[in-house]
Every structure is written in C-alpha cells, then in structure tokens.
C-alpha atoms as a PDB file:
ATOM      1  CA  MET A   1     -29.934 -16.934  34.813  1.00  0.00           C
ATOM      2  CA  THR A   2     -30.828 -18.592  31.525  1.00  0.00           C
ATOM      3  CA  LEU A   3     -28.292 -18.642  28.735  1.00  0.00           C
ATOM      4  CA  ARG A   4     -29.494 -18.831  25.125  1.00  0.00           C
ATOM      5  CA  HIS A   5     -27.100 -20.527  22.697  1.00  0.00           C
ATOM      6  CA  VAL A   6     -27.732 -19.741  19.005  1.00  0.00           C
ATOM      7  CA  VAL A   7     -25.744 -21.352  16.188  1.00  0.00           C
ATOM      8  CA  MET A   8     -26.240 -21.317  12.406  1.00  0.00           C
ATOM      9  CA  TRP A   9     -24.564 -23.589   9.863  1.00  0.00           C
ATOM     10  CA  THR A  10     -24.179 -23.696   6.111  1.00  0.00           C
ATOM     11  CA  MET A  11     -23.750 -27.179   4.696  1.00  0.00           C
ATOM     12  CA  ALA A  12     -20.758 -27.848   2.449  1.00  0.00           C
ATOM     13  CA  ALA A  13     -22.577 -29.535  -0.448  1.00  0.00           C
ATOM     14  CA  GLY A  14     -22.744 -27.498  -3.617  1.00  0.00           C
ATOM     15  CA  ASP A  15     -26.208 -28.519  -4.752  1.00  0.00           C
ATOM     16  CA  ALA A  16     -29.351 -27.368  -2.960  1.00  0.00           C
ATOM     17  CA  ALA A  17     -30.948 -30.824  -2.721  1.00  0.00           C
ATOM     18  CA  THR A  18     -27.986 -32.367  -0.900  1.00  0.00           C
ATOM     19  CA  ARG A  19     -27.644 -29.333   1.366  1.00  0.00           C
ATOM     20  CA  ALA A  20     -31.334 -29.614   2.259  1.00  0.00           C
ATOM     21  CA  GLU A  21     -30.980 -33.339   2.972  1.00  0.00           C
ATOM     22  CA  HIS A  22     -27.951 -32.773   5.203  1.00  0.00           C
ATOM     23  CA  ALA A  23     -29.606 -29.819   6.949  1.00  0.00           C
ATOM     24  CA  GLY A  24     -32.680 -31.897   7.763  1.00  0.00           C
ATOM     25  CA  GLU A  25     -30.506 -34.636   9.230  1.00  0.00           C
ATOM     26  CA  VAL A  26     -28.524 -32.123  11.306  1.00  0.00           C
ATOM     27  CA  ALA A  27     -31.755 -30.646  12.690  1.00  0.00           C
ATOM     28  CA  ARG A  28     -33.068 -34.136  13.484  1.00  0.00           C
ATOM     29  CA  ARG A  29     -29.865 -35.142  15.297  1.00  0.00           C
ATOM     30  CA  LEU A  30     -29.760 -31.913  17.283  1.00  0.00           C
ATOM     31  CA  SER A  31     -33.406 -32.295  18.314  1.00  0.00           C
ATOM     32  CA  ALA A  32     -32.682 -35.841  19.476  1.00  0.00           C
ATOM     33  CA  LEU A  33     -30.307 -34.460  22.128  1.00  0.00           C
ATOM     34  CA  VAL A  34     -33.282 -33.364  24.245  1.00  0.00           C
ATOM     35  CA  GLY A  35     -33.615 -35.831  27.111  1.00  0.00           C
ATOM     36  CA  VAL A  36     -30.130 -37.209  26.430  1.00  0.00           C
ATOM     37  CA  VAL A  37     -28.086 -34.183  27.487  1.00  0.00           C
ATOM     38  CA  PRO A  38     -29.500 -33.180  30.887  1.00  0.00           C
ATOM     39  CA  GLU A  39     -28.291 -29.562  30.696  1.00  0.00           C
ATOM     40  CA  ILE A  40     -30.666 -28.736  27.821  1.00  0.00           C
ATOM     41  CA  ARG A  41     -33.704 -26.796  29.106  1.00  0.00           C
ATOM     42  CA  SER A  42     -35.202 -26.131  25.670  1.00  0.00           C
ATOM     43  CA  LEU A  43     -34.012 -26.712  22.135  1.00  0.00           C
ATOM     44  CA  SER A  44     -35.293 -25.790  18.716  1.00  0.00           C
ATOM     45  CA  ALA A  45     -33.430 -26.848  15.583  1.00  0.00           C
ATOM     46  CA  GLY A  46     -34.654 -26.348  12.068  1.00  0.00           C
ATOM     47  CA  ALA A  47     -33.547 -26.592   8.484  1.00  0.00           C
ATOM     48  CA  ASN A  48     -33.915 -23.603   6.183  1.00  0.00           C
ATOM     49  CA  SER A  49     -36.692 -24.116   3.675  1.00  0.00           C
ATOM     50  CA  GLU A  50     -36.604 -20.725   1.959  1.00  0.00           C
ATOM     51  CA  TYR A  51     -33.913 -18.752   0.179  1.00  0.00           C
ATOM     52  CA  PRO A  52     -31.161 -21.393   0.487  1.00  0.00           C
ATOM     53  CA  ASP A  53     -28.688 -19.260  -1.446  1.00  0.00           C
ATOM     54  CA  VAL A  54     -28.755 -16.375   1.045  1.00  0.00           C
ATOM     55  CA  ASN A  55     -29.574 -17.951   4.429  1.00  0.00           C
ATOM     56  CA  ALA A  56     -27.872 -20.471   6.682  1.00  0.00           C
ATOM     57  CA  ASP A  57     -29.038 -24.054   6.166  1.00  0.00           C
ATOM     58  CA  VAL A  58     -29.646 -24.941   9.841  1.00  0.00           C
ATOM     59  CA  VAL A  59     -30.258 -22.986  13.021  1.00  0.00           C
ATOM     60  CA  LEU A  60     -30.079 -24.148  16.635  1.00  0.00           C
ATOM     61  CA  ILE A  61     -31.639 -22.171  19.480  1.00  0.00           C
ATOM     62  CA  MET A  62     -31.029 -23.776  22.852  1.00  0.00           C
ATOM     63  CA  ASP A  63     -31.496 -22.647  26.440  1.00  0.00           C
ATOM     64  CA  VAL A  64     -29.355 -23.850  29.337  1.00  0.00           C
ATOM     65  CA  ASP A  65     -29.180 -22.676  32.934  1.00  0.00           C
ATOM     66  CA  ASP A  66     -25.745 -21.040  32.857  1.00  0.00           C
ATOM     67  CA  LEU A  67     -22.262 -21.079  31.363  1.00  0.00           C
ATOM     68  CA  ASP A  68     -21.318 -24.226  33.307  1.00  0.00           C
ATOM     69  CA  SER A  69     -24.306 -25.994  31.746  1.00  0.00           C
ATOM     70  CA  LEU A  70     -23.273 -24.858  28.268  1.00  0.00           C
ATOM     71  CA  GLU A  71     -19.752 -26.132  28.851  1.00  0.00           C
ATOM     72  CA  ALA A  72     -21.111 -29.486  30.081  1.00  0.00           C
ATOM     73  CA  TYR A  73     -23.315 -29.705  26.969  1.00  0.00           C
ATOM     74  CA  GLN A  74     -20.379 -28.992  24.687  1.00  0.00           C
ATOM     75  CA  VAL A  75     -18.294 -31.889  26.044  1.00  0.00           C
ATOM     76  CA  HIS A  76     -21.182 -34.363  26.407  1.00  0.00           C
ATOM     77  CA  PRO A  77     -20.510 -37.466  24.251  1.00  0.00           C
ATOM     78  CA  ALA A  78     -23.897 -37.228  22.506  1.00  0.00           C
ATOM     79  CA  HIS A  79     -23.197 -33.625  21.508  1.00  0.00           C
ATOM     80  CA  GLN A  80     -19.705 -34.574  20.362  1.00  0.00           C
ATOM     81  CA  GLU A  81     -21.222 -37.254  18.106  1.00  0.00           C
ATOM     82  CA  VAL A  82     -23.611 -34.754  16.509  1.00  0.00           C
ATOM     83  CA  ALA A  83     -20.823 -32.188  16.167  1.00  0.00           C
ATOM     84  CA  ALA A  84     -18.688 -34.741  14.306  1.00  0.00           C
ATOM     85  CA  TYR A  85     -21.552 -35.385  11.880  1.00  0.00           C
ATOM     86  CA  ILE A  86     -22.032 -31.646  11.318  1.00  0.00           C
ATOM     87  CA  ARG A  87     -18.329 -31.219  10.547  1.00  0.00           C
ATOM     88  CA  SER A  88     -18.598 -34.046   8.005  1.00  0.00           C
ATOM     89  CA  VAL A  89     -21.366 -32.395   5.981  1.00  0.00           C
END
C-alpha cells in the first residue's frame, strides 16, 4: 500500500516578496530530503507562483510505503531540521 502525504503551508511574512523567497527555500529544503530520508518513495515540493493572496505558499506531495514509513520520516533528523526552518518562517 502506498500512502500519499500532502501538506500546504502559508508563510508568516506579510509582504509577498518575502513570502515568495521563504516559500522557495522551503520547497528547496523539502526536495533535498530525497535520498537522505530512505522512506521517501517520491516527493514533489513547489512554491506558489500565482495568486499568493488566496493560495497556500508551498505544497508538498510525498509518497511513502505505509504509515510506519511516514512515522519514520516524521522523526528523521533531516526532516526535523526542515520542519524547524518551516516553523521559523
């Protein structure tokens, strides 16, 4: 069974330029987890480039094998590092 994990974020910055900069960095850091976190089967992360006032700034779509794999991903140190960055922006 494949499990698809989908998450969307809105950056905290008030101005669109800073939100876009932070969103691009979040997408880059998430994409860099491929090959580092072994549970990831596929991952797509992207920053919103249209309608920033009405859409989330970043989306993650990731496939893992099962719930155990998702739980292992969530506690992996590399994921924890990215999650800390996301919380900061």
